[in-house]
């Protein structure tokens, strides 16, 4: 199956700051052609990583304090946070 994920940078790295097995599984199931036009600056990647780590911590803390709580992730695109968090 060939899918064009325009603007989505390669996210599978051996030194990844965020481990997301679900995202890795998706990437392994599709044909993804890297292109220089899909590259994102290192500063943008770093900002995204920091934001992701902070939001993961906030959501984990909230759900540990409120086990019956509900988190809605609006406009999340291909975000797989619900599968990545250890709840």
Protein backbone atom coordinates (compact mmCIF):
# COMPACT_ATOMS: atom_id res chain seq x y z
CA UNK A 1 0.00 0.00 0.00
CA UNK A 2 1.47 3.38 -0.97
CA UNK A 3 0.49 6.33 1.20
CA UNK A 4 1.84 9.84 0.80
CA UNK A 5 2.22 11.49 4.20
CA UNK A 6 3.11 14.96 2.96
CA UNK A 7 4.99 17.03 5.48
CA UNK A 8 5.49 14.16 7.97
CA UNK A 9 9.16 13.75 8.90
CA UNK A 10 10.87 10.43 9.56
CA UNK A 11 10.32 9.67 13.25
CA UNK A 12 12.01 6.31 13.69
CA UNK A 13 15.46 6.86 15.25
CA UNK A 14 17.64 4.62 17.41
CA UNK A 15 18.26 7.51 19.84
CA UNK A 16 14.61 8.57 20.05
CA UNK A 17 13.53 10.65 23.07
CA UNK A 18 9.99 9.27 22.74
CA UNK A 19 9.38 5.57 22.25
CA UNK A 20 6.13 4.96 20.38
CA UNK A 21 5.77 1.33 19.24
CA UNK A 22 2.40 2.08 17.60
CA UNK A 23 3.90 4.80 15.39
CA UNK A 24 6.73 2.43 14.48
CA UNK A 25 4.19 -0.27 13.60
CA UNK A 26 2.32 2.15 11.30
CA UNK A 27 5.54 3.22 9.55
CA UNK A 28 6.49 -0.41 8.97
CA UNK A 29 3.13 -1.13 7.30
CA UNK A 30 3.21 1.68 4.75
CA UNK A 31 5.55 2.65 1.96
CA UNK A 32 7.02 5.96 3.02
CA UNK A 33 9.31 7.73 0.60
CA UNK A 34 11.65 10.20 2.27
CA UNK A 35 12.04 13.50 0.52
CA UNK A 36 14.08 16.62 1.29
CA UNK A 37 10.87 18.67 1.08
CA UNK A 38 9.46 16.68 4.04
CA UNK A 39 12.36 17.57 6.33
CA UNK A 40 11.59 19.54 9.49
CA UNK A 41 14.20 21.71 11.20
CA UNK A 42 15.99 20.28 14.21
CA UNK A 43 14.65 23.16 16.34
CA UNK A 44 11.07 22.29 15.36
CA UNK A 45 11.67 18.60 16.11
CA UNK A 46 13.14 19.48 19.51
CA UNK A 47 10.16 21.69 20.33
CA UNK A 48 7.74 18.94 19.36
CA UNK A 49 9.62 16.39 21.49
CA UNK A 50 9.64 18.70 24.53
CA UNK A 51 5.93 19.50 24.14
CA UNK A 52 5.11 15.80 23.76
CA UNK A 53 7.04 14.81 26.89
CA UNK A 54 5.41 17.60 28.93
CA UNK A 55 1.90 16.75 27.73
CA UNK A 56 2.46 13.03 28.37
CA UNK A 57 3.49 13.84 31.96
CA UNK A 58 0.49 16.14 32.52
CA UNK A 59 -1.95 13.58 31.14
CA UNK A 60 -0.38 10.70 33.10
CA UNK A 61 -0.55 12.75 36.32
CA UNK A 62 -4.19 13.70 35.70
CA UNK A 63 -5.28 10.14 34.93
CA UNK A 64 -3.44 8.73 37.95
CA UNK A 65 -5.24 11.26 40.15
CA UNK A 66 -8.57 10.70 38.35
CA UNK A 67 -8.64 7.05 37.20
CA UNK A 68 -12.14 7.45 35.75
CA UNK A 69 -11.18 10.71 34.00
CA UNK A 70 -11.43 11.26 30.27
CA UNK A 71 -8.96 13.09 28.04
CA UNK A 72 -10.04 14.33 24.60
CA UNK A 73 -7.28 15.05 22.10
CA UNK A 74 -8.82 17.40 19.54
CA UNK A 75 -7.08 17.91 16.21
CA UNK A 76 -4.46 15.28 17.00
CA UNK A 77 -3.98 13.91 13.49
CA UNK A 78 -1.91 10.73 13.69
CA UNK A 79 -1.13 11.22 17.39
CA UNK A 80 -1.01 7.86 19.19
CA UNK A 81 -0.63 9.18 22.74
CA UNK A 82 -3.52 7.05 23.98
CA UNK A 83 -1.60 3.91 22.97
CA UNK A 84 1.79 5.18 24.16
CA UNK A 85 0.91 6.18 27.75
CA UNK A 86 1.25 3.49 30.42
CA UNK A 87 -2.14 3.57 32.08
